[in-house]
PDB file of N, CA and C in Angstrom:
ATOM      1  N   MET A   1     -14.235  -9.010 -17.163  1.00  0.00           N
ATOM      2  CA  MET A   1     -13.561  -9.961 -16.251  1.00  0.00           C
ATOM      3  C   MET A   1     -13.159  -9.273 -15.054  1.00  0.00           C
ATOM      4  N   THR A   2     -13.399  -9.613 -13.822  1.00  0.00           N
ATOM      5  CA  THR A   2     -13.036  -9.095 -12.794  1.00  0.00           C
ATOM      6  C   THR A   2     -11.739  -9.708 -12.494  1.00  0.00           C
ATOM      7  N   ARG A   3     -10.431  -9.135 -12.241  1.00  0.00           N
ATOM      8  CA  ARG A   3      -9.108  -9.494 -11.930  1.00  0.00           C
ATOM      9  C   ARG A   3      -9.048  -9.454 -10.381  1.00  0.00           C
ATOM     10  N   TRP A   4      -8.930 -10.766  -9.871  1.00  0.00           N
ATOM     11  CA  TRP A   4      -8.819 -10.781  -8.345  1.00  0.00           C
ATOM     12  C   TRP A   4      -7.424 -10.587  -7.888  1.00  0.00           C
ATOM     13  N   PRO A   5      -7.065  -9.853  -6.869  1.00  0.00           N
ATOM     14  CA  PRO A   5      -5.723  -9.799  -6.354  1.00  0.00           C
ATOM     15  C   PRO A   5      -5.013 -10.943  -5.787  1.00  0.00           C
ATOM     16  N   ALA A   6      -3.853 -11.172  -5.956  1.00  0.00           N
ATOM     17  CA  ALA A   6      -3.245 -12.353  -5.444  1.00  0.00           C
ATOM     18  C   ALA A   6      -3.077 -11.889  -3.785  1.00  0.00           C
ATOM     19  N   LEU A   7      -3.454 -13.231  -3.540  1.00  0.00           N
ATOM     20  CA  LEU A   7      -3.352 -13.197  -1.903  1.00  0.00           C
ATOM     21  C   LEU A   7      -2.198 -14.391  -1.466  1.00  0.00           C
ATOM     22  N   MET A   8      -1.394 -13.934  -0.372  1.00  0.00           N
ATOM     23  CA  MET A   8      -0.378 -14.629   0.124  1.00  0.00           C
ATOM     24  C   MET A   8      -0.499 -14.910   1.671  1.00  0.00           C
ATOM     25  N   LYS A   9       0.009 -16.036   2.314  1.00  0.00           N
ATOM     26  CA  LYS A   9       0.134 -16.235   3.702  1.00  0.00           C
ATOM     27  C   LYS A   9       1.139 -15.330   4.371  1.00  0.00           C
ATOM     28  N   ARG A  10       1.186 -15.387   5.709  1.00  0.00           N
ATOM     29  CA  ARG A  10       2.219 -14.617   5.971  1.00  0.00           C
ATOM     30  C   ARG A  10       4.004 -14.836   5.904  1.00  0.00           C
ATOM     31  N   LYS A  11       3.911 -16.055   5.528  1.00  0.00           N
ATOM     32  CA  LYS A  11       5.332 -16.745   5.416  1.00  0.00           C
ATOM     33  C   LYS A  11       5.714 -16.473   3.925  1.00  0.00           C
ATOM     34  N   THR A  12       4.795 -16.410   3.149  1.00  0.00           N
ATOM     35  CA  THR A  12       4.885 -16.253   1.551  1.00  0.00           C
ATOM     36  C   THR A  12       5.127 -14.739   1.421  1.00  0.00           C
ATOM     37  N   ALA A  13       4.363 -14.030   2.070  1.00  0.00           N
ATOM     38  CA  ALA A  13       4.560 -12.355   1.911  1.00  0.00           C
ATOM     39  C   ALA A  13       5.792 -11.866   2.459  1.00  0.00           C
ATOM     40  N   ALA A  14       6.220 -12.356   3.631  1.00  0.00           N
ATOM     41  CA  ALA A  14       7.608 -12.480   4.365  1.00  0.00           C
ATOM     42  C   ALA A  14       8.426 -12.658   2.988  1.00  0.00           C
ATOM     43  N   GLU A  15       8.566 -13.591   2.764  1.00  0.00           N
ATOM     44  CA  GLU A  15       9.389 -14.171   1.424  1.00  0.00           C
ATOM     45  C   GLU A  15       9.390 -13.513   0.169  1.00  0.00           C
ATOM     46  N   TYR A  16       8.445 -12.744  -0.110  1.00  0.00           N
ATOM     47  CA  TYR A  16       8.111 -11.856  -1.083  1.00  0.00           C
ATOM     48  C   TYR A  16       8.985 -10.647  -0.853  1.00  0.00           C
ATOM     49  N   LEU A  17       8.968 -10.254   0.256  1.00  0.00           N
ATOM     50  CA  LEU A  17       9.832  -9.054   0.849  1.00  0.00           C
ATOM     51  C   LEU A  17      11.067  -9.248   1.099  1.00  0.00           C
ATOM     52  N   ASP A  18      11.312 -10.351   1.128  1.00  0.00           N
ATOM     53  CA  ASP A  18      12.854 -10.939   1.538  1.00  0.00           C
ATOM     54  C   ASP A  18      12.993 -10.456   3.022  1.00  0.00           C
ATOM     55  N   THR A  19      12.224 -10.866   3.877  1.00  0.00           N
ATOM     56  CA  THR A  19      12.503 -10.538   5.419  1.00  0.00           C
ATOM     57  C   THR A  19      12.153 -11.876   5.915  1.00  0.00           C
ATOM     58  N   SER A  20      12.601 -11.753   7.305  1.00  0.00           N
ATOM     59  CA  SER A  20      11.928 -12.857   8.042  1.00  0.00           C
ATOM     60  C   SER A  20      10.594 -12.601   8.487  1.00  0.00           C
ATOM     61  N   GLU A  21       9.781 -13.819   9.077  1.00  0.00           N
ATOM     62  CA  GLU A  21       8.399 -13.534   9.413  1.00  0.00           C
ATOM     63  C   GLU A  21       8.320 -12.541  10.716  1.00  0.00           C
ATOM     64  N   ALA A  22       9.190 -12.574  11.323  1.00  0.00           N
ATOM     65  CA  ALA A  22       9.092 -11.596  12.606  1.00  0.00           C
ATOM     66  C   ALA A  22       9.348 -10.403  12.250  1.00  0.00           C
ATOM     67  N   ALA A  23      10.189 -10.080  11.301  1.00  0.00           N
ATOM     68  CA  ALA A  23      10.384  -8.637  10.752  1.00  0.00           C
ATOM     69  C   ALA A  23       9.218  -8.117   9.964  1.00  0.00           C
ATOM     70  N   PHE A  24       8.454  -8.942   9.269  1.00  0.00           N
ATOM     71  CA  PHE A  24       7.556  -8.736   8.641  1.00  0.00           C
ATOM     72  C   PHE A  24       6.350  -8.360   9.721  1.00  0.00           C
ATOM     73  N   GLU A  25       6.406  -9.131  10.556  1.00  0.00           N
ATOM     74  CA  GLU A  25       4.953  -8.935  11.687  1.00  0.00           C
ATOM     75  C   GLU A  25       5.509  -7.678  12.220  1.00  0.00           C
ATOM     76  N   ARG A  26       6.684  -7.028  12.719  1.00  0.00           N
ATOM     77  CA  ARG A  26       6.942  -6.007  13.021  1.00  0.00           C
ATOM     78  C   ARG A  26       6.333  -4.690  12.366  1.00  0.00           C
ATOM     79  N   GLU A  27       6.849  -4.545  10.874  1.00  0.00           N
ATOM     80  CA  GLU A  27       6.372  -3.967   9.968  1.00  0.00           C
ATOM     81  C   GLU A  27       5.059  -3.637   9.863  1.00  0.00           C
ATOM     82  N   VAL A  28       4.260  -4.722   9.959  1.00  0.00           N
ATOM     83  CA  VAL A  28       2.686  -4.755   9.801  1.00  0.00           C
ATOM     84  C   VAL A  28       2.215  -4.035  11.380  1.00  0.00           C
ATOM     85  N   SER A  29       2.708  -4.288  12.493  1.00  0.00           N
ATOM     86  CA  SER A  29       2.204  -4.003  13.611  1.00  0.00           C
ATOM     87  C   SER A  29       2.771  -2.162  13.544  1.00  0.00           C
ATOM     88  N   ALA A  30       3.862  -1.823  13.127  1.00  0.00           N
ATOM     89  CA  ALA A  30       3.950  -0.524  13.130  1.00  0.00           C
ATOM     90  C   ALA A  30       3.106   0.286  11.839  1.00  0.00           C
ATOM     91  N   GLY A  31       2.542  -0.197  11.035  1.00  0.00           N
ATOM     92  CA  GLY A  31       1.772   0.270  10.342  1.00  0.00           C
ATOM     93  C   GLY A  31       2.340   0.578   9.072  1.00  0.00           C
ATOM     94  N   ARG A  32       3.731   0.192   8.510  1.00  0.00           N
ATOM     95  CA  ARG A  32       4.166   0.429   7.653  1.00  0.00           C
ATOM     96  C   ARG A  32       3.819  -0.513   6.694  1.00  0.00           C
ATOM     97  N   LEU A  33       3.541  -1.477   6.812  1.00  0.00           N
ATOM     98  CA  LEU A  33       2.950  -2.566   5.605  1.00  0.00           C
ATOM     99  C   LEU A  33       1.441  -2.841   5.932  1.00  0.00           C
ATOM    100  N   PRO A  34       0.752  -3.149   5.085  1.00  0.00           N
ATOM    101  CA  PRO A  34      -0.667  -3.404   5.168  1.00  0.00           C
ATOM    102  C   PRO A  34      -1.467  -4.314   6.269  1.00  0.00           C
ATOM    103  N   ALA A  35      -2.386  -4.339   6.915  1.00  0.00           N
ATOM    104  CA  ALA A  35      -2.800  -5.197   7.839  1.00  0.00           C
ATOM    105  C   ALA A  35      -3.348  -6.589   7.075  1.00  0.00           C
ATOM    106  N   PRO A  36      -3.590  -7.636   7.563  1.00  0.00           N
ATOM    107  CA  PRO A  36      -4.152  -8.953   6.641  1.00  0.00           C
ATOM    108  C   PRO A  36      -5.525  -8.505   6.529  1.00  0.00           C
ATOM    109  N   ILE A  37      -6.074  -9.568   5.761  1.00  0.00           N
ATOM    110  CA  ILE A  37      -7.974 -10.009   5.599  1.00  0.00           C
ATOM    111  C   ILE A  37      -7.729 -11.293   6.094  1.00  0.00           C
ATOM    112  N   MET A  38      -8.585 -11.537   6.507  1.00  0.00           N
ATOM    113  CA  MET A  38      -9.126 -12.932   6.829  1.00  0.00           C
ATOM    114  C   MET A  38      -9.762 -13.681   5.886  1.00  0.00           C
ATOM    115  N   LEU A  39      -9.336 -14.507   5.546  1.00  0.00           N
ATOM    116  CA  LEU A  39      -9.972 -15.586   4.541  1.00  0.00           C
ATOM    117  C   LEU A  39      -9.985 -16.706   5.112  1.00  0.00           C
ATOM    118  N   GLY A  40     -11.262 -17.182   5.408  1.00  0.00           N
ATOM    119  CA  GLY A  40     -11.538 -18.546   6.275  1.00  0.00           C
ATOM    120  C   GLY A  40     -10.855 -18.126   7.527  1.00  0.00           C
ATOM    121  N   LYS A  41     -10.296 -18.866   8.429  1.00  0.00           N
ATOM    122  CA  LYS A  41      -9.746 -18.709   9.642  1.00  0.00           C
ATOM    123  C   LYS A  41      -8.080 -18.234   9.667  1.00  0.00           C
ATOM    124  N   ARG A  42      -7.828 -17.870   8.495  1.00  0.00           N
ATOM    125  CA  ARG A  42      -6.380 -17.532   8.353  1.00  0.00           C
ATOM    126  C   ARG A  42      -6.060 -16.131   7.628  1.00  0.00           C
ATOM    127  N   GLU A  43      -4.913 -15.616   8.043  1.00  0.00           N
ATOM    128  CA  GLU A  43      -4.592 -14.203   7.666  1.00  0.00           C
ATOM    129  C   GLU A  43      -3.929 -14.285   6.329  1.00  0.00           C
ATOM    130  N   HIS A  44      -4.171 -13.391   5.088  1.00  0.00           N
ATOM    131  CA  HIS A  44      -3.546 -13.404   4.356  1.00  0.00           C
ATOM    132  C   HIS A  44      -3.183 -11.682   3.768  1.00  0.00           C
ATOM    133  N   TRP A  45      -2.299 -11.607   3.040  1.00  0.00           N
ATOM    134  CA  TRP A  45      -1.913 -10.263   2.559  1.00  0.00           C
ATOM    135  C   TRP A  45      -2.018 -10.107   0.836  1.00  0.00           C
ATOM    136  N   CYS A  46      -2.875  -8.952   0.676  1.00  0.00           N
ATOM    137  CA  CYS A  46      -2.793  -8.839  -0.713  1.00  0.00           C
ATOM    138  C   CYS A  46      -1.415  -8.301  -1.490  1.00  0.00           C
ATOM    139  N   LYS A  47      -1.224  -8.934  -2.704  1.00  0.00           N
ATOM    140  CA  LYS A  47       0.189  -8.706  -3.194  1.00  0.00           C
ATOM    141  C   LYS A  47       0.255  -7.169  -3.654  1.00  0.00           C
ATOM    142  N   ASP A  48      -0.885  -6.890  -4.215  1.00  0.00           N
ATOM    143  CA  ASP A  48      -1.038  -5.318  -4.507  1.00  0.00           C
ATOM    144  C   ASP A  48      -0.966  -4.373  -3.481  1.00  0.00           C
ATOM    145  N   ALA A  49      -1.593  -4.701  -2.244  1.00  0.00           N
ATOM    146  CA  ALA A  49      -1.444  -3.722  -1.093  1.00  0.00           C
ATOM    147  C   ALA A  49       0.151  -3.778  -0.664  1.00  0.00           C
ATOM    148  N   LEU A  50       0.686  -4.661  -0.689  1.00  0.00           N
ATOM    149  CA  LEU A  50       2.229  -4.961  -0.379  1.00  0.00           C
ATOM    150  C   LEU A  50       3.321  -3.861  -1.272  1.00  0.00           C
ATOM    151  N   ASP A  51       2.788  -4.298  -2.426  1.00  0.00           N
ATOM    152  CA  ASP A  51       3.477  -3.456  -3.534  1.00  0.00           C
ATOM    153  C   ASP A  51       3.422  -1.858  -3.159  1.00  0.00           C
ATOM    154  N   ALA A  52       2.190  -1.321  -3.129  1.00  0.00           N
ATOM    155  CA  ALA A  52       1.755  -0.011  -2.911  1.00  0.00           C
ATOM    156  C   ALA A  52       2.594   0.178  -1.389  1.00  0.00           C
ATOM    157  N   ALA A  53       2.649  -0.527  -0.688  1.00  0.00           N
ATOM    158  CA  ALA A  53       3.249   0.172   0.528  1.00  0.00           C
ATOM    159  C   ALA A  53       4.874   0.157   0.387  1.00  0.00           C
ATOM    160  N   ILE A  54       5.288  -0.955  -0.260  1.00  0.00           N
ATOM    161  CA  ILE A  54       6.798  -0.753  -0.927  1.00  0.00           C
ATOM    162  C   ILE A  54       6.997   0.646  -1.526  1.00  0.00           C
ATOM    163  N   ALA A  55       6.143   0.534  -2.443  1.00  0.00           N
ATOM    164  CA  ALA A  55       6.398   2.101  -3.400  1.00  0.00           C
ATOM    165  C   ALA A  55       6.090   3.368  -2.336  1.00  0.00           C
ATOM    166  N   ILE A  56       5.595   3.467  -1.469  1.00  0.00           N
ATOM    167  CA  ILE A  56       5.298   4.587  -0.696  1.00  0.00           C
ATOM    168  C   ILE A  56       6.911   4.614   0.084  1.00  0.00           C
ATOM    169  N   LEU A  57       7.057   3.388   0.761  1.00  0.00           N
ATOM    170  CA  LEU A  57       8.438   3.483   1.608  1.00  0.00           C
ATOM    171  C   LEU A  57       9.609   4.040   0.704  1.00  0.00           C
ATOM    172  N   SER A  58       9.525   3.390  -0.530  1.00  0.00           N
ATOM    173  CA  SER A  58      10.794   3.926  -1.332  1.00  0.00           C
ATOM    174  C   SER A  58      10.974   4.977  -1.995  1.00  0.00           C
ATOM    175  N   GLY A  59       9.773   5.588  -1.587  1.00  0.00           N
ATOM    176  CA  GLY A  59       9.416   7.180  -2.384  1.00  0.00           C
ATOM    177  C   GLY A  59       8.968   7.097  -3.907  1.00  0.00           C
ATOM    178  N   ASP A  60       8.824   5.993  -4.493  1.00  0.00           N
ATOM    179  CA  ASP A  60       8.143   5.985  -5.791  1.00  0.00           C
ATOM    180  C   ASP A  60       6.985   6.523  -5.818  1.00  0.00           C
ATOM    181  N   THR A  61       6.100   6.301  -4.625  1.00  0.00           N
ATOM    182  CA  THR A  61       4.852   7.049  -4.591  1.00  0.00           C
ATOM    183  C   THR A  61       4.681   7.961  -3.434  1.00  0.00           C
ATOM    184  N   PRO A  62       3.991   9.076  -3.488  1.00  0.00           N
ATOM    185  CA  PRO A  62       4.035   9.970  -2.230  1.00  0.00           C
ATOM    186  C   PRO A  62       2.914   9.592  -1.363  1.00  0.00           C
ATOM    187  N   GLU A  63       3.451   9.734  -0.195  1.00  0.00           N
ATOM    188  CA  GLU A  63       2.577   9.268   0.827  1.00  0.00           C
ATOM    189  C   GLU A  63       1.127   9.551   1.333  1.00  0.00           C
ATOM    190  N   PRO A  64       0.043   8.872   1.337  1.00  0.00           N
ATOM    191  CA  PRO A  64      -1.368   9.751   1.269  1.00  0.00           C
ATOM    192  C   PRO A  64      -1.060  10.827   2.359  1.00  0.00           C
ATOM    193  N   SER A  65      -2.282  11.779   2.112  1.00  0.00           N
ATOM    194  CA  SER A  65      -2.117  13.036   3.129  1.00  0.00           C
ATOM    195  C   SER A  65      -2.620  12.409   4.503  1.00  0.00           C
ATOM    196  N   TYR A  66      -3.425  11.336   4.647  1.00  0.00           N
ATOM    197  CA  TYR A  66      -4.231  11.195   6.055  1.00  0.00           C
ATOM    198  C   TYR A  66      -2.775  10.176   6.679  1.00  0.00           C
ATOM    199  N   ARG A  67      -1.698   9.628   6.195  1.00  0.00           N
ATOM    200  CA  ARG A  67      -0.680   9.099   6.621  1.00  0.00           C
ATOM    201  C   ARG A  67       0.065  10.128   7.294  1.00  0.00           C
ATOM    202  N   ASN A  68       0.421  11.193   6.312  1.00  0.00           N
ATOM    203  CA  ASN A  68       1.317  12.527   6.939  1.00  0.00           C
ATOM    204  C   ASN A  68       0.493  13.054   8.295  1.00  0.00           C
ATOM    205  N   LYS A  69      -0.530  13.053   8.301  1.00  0.00           N
ATOM    206  CA  LYS A  69      -1.244  13.602   9.608  1.00  0.00           C
ATOM    207  C   LYS A  69      -1.209  12.778  10.616  1.00  0.00           C
ATOM    208  N   LEU A  70      -1.353  11.609  10.368  1.00  0.00           N
ATOM    209  CA  LEU A  70      -0.923  10.604  11.560  1.00  0.00           C
ATOM    210  C   LEU A  70       0.432  10.577  12.022  1.00  0.00           C
ATOM    211  N   ARG A  71       1.457  10.687  11.118  1.00  0.00           N
ATOM    212  CA  ARG A  71       2.719  10.560  11.619  1.00  0.00           C
ATOM    213  C   ARG A  71       2.939  11.988  12.210  1.00  0.00           C
ATOM    214  N   GLU A  72       2.532  13.100  11.855  1.00  0.00           N
ATOM    215  CA  GLU A  72       2.703  14.631  12.645  1.00  0.00           C
ATOM    216  C   GLU A  72       2.187  14.261  14.043  1.00  0.00           C
ATOM    217  N   ARG A  73       0.779  13.707  14.119  1.00  0.00           N
ATOM    218  CA  ARG A  73       0.254  13.625  15.289  1.00  0.00           C
ATOM    219  C   ARG A  73       1.126  13.104  16.419  1.00  0.00           C
ATOM    220  N   TYR A  74       1.276  11.552  15.791  1.00  0.00           N
ATOM    221  CA  TYR A  74       2.149  10.763  16.807  1.00  0.00           C
ATOM    222  C   TYR A  74       3.251  10.915  16.935  1.00  0.00           C
ATOM    223  N   GLU A  75       4.174  11.977  16.300  1.00  0.00           N
ATOM    224  CA  GLU A  75       5.594  12.152  16.650  1.00  0.00           C
ATOM    225  C   GLU A  75       5.495  13.427  17.468  1.00  0.00           C
ATOM    226  N   LYS A  76       4.258  14.075  17.474  1.00  0.00           N
ATOM    227  CA  LYS A  76       4.547  15.489  18.223  1.00  0.00           C
ATOM    228  C   LYS A  76       4.103  14.838  19.742  1.00  0.00           C
ATOM    229  N   ALA A  77       3.342  13.530  19.887  1.00  0.00           N
ATOM    230  CA  ALA A  77       3.045  12.891  21.382  1.00  0.00           C
ATOM    231  C   ALA A  77       4.336  12.258  21.781  1.00  0.00           C
ATOM    232  N   ALA A  78       4.994  11.823  21.032  1.00  0.00           N
ATOM    233  CA  ALA A  78       6.373  11.315  21.435  1.00  0.00           C
ATOM    234  C   ALA A  78       7.189  11.835  22.288  1.00  0.00           C
TER     235      ALA A  78
END
């Protein structure tokens, strides 16, 4: 049996991370949190993807190499 990931709308995802919707959106825009998926005409966030992003931010999981390369590229450009 396939296990489908839990999906959340913006308000629920922000509450899940104990932040305001505005702060949640800033983190998504900055690329620190995953982008939403479109389901119907609404944006939804995957709980598993949010958990993975938080694990990376907290240092529980090493950051993927492609993100290191992007950070280095954009830090040099700034």
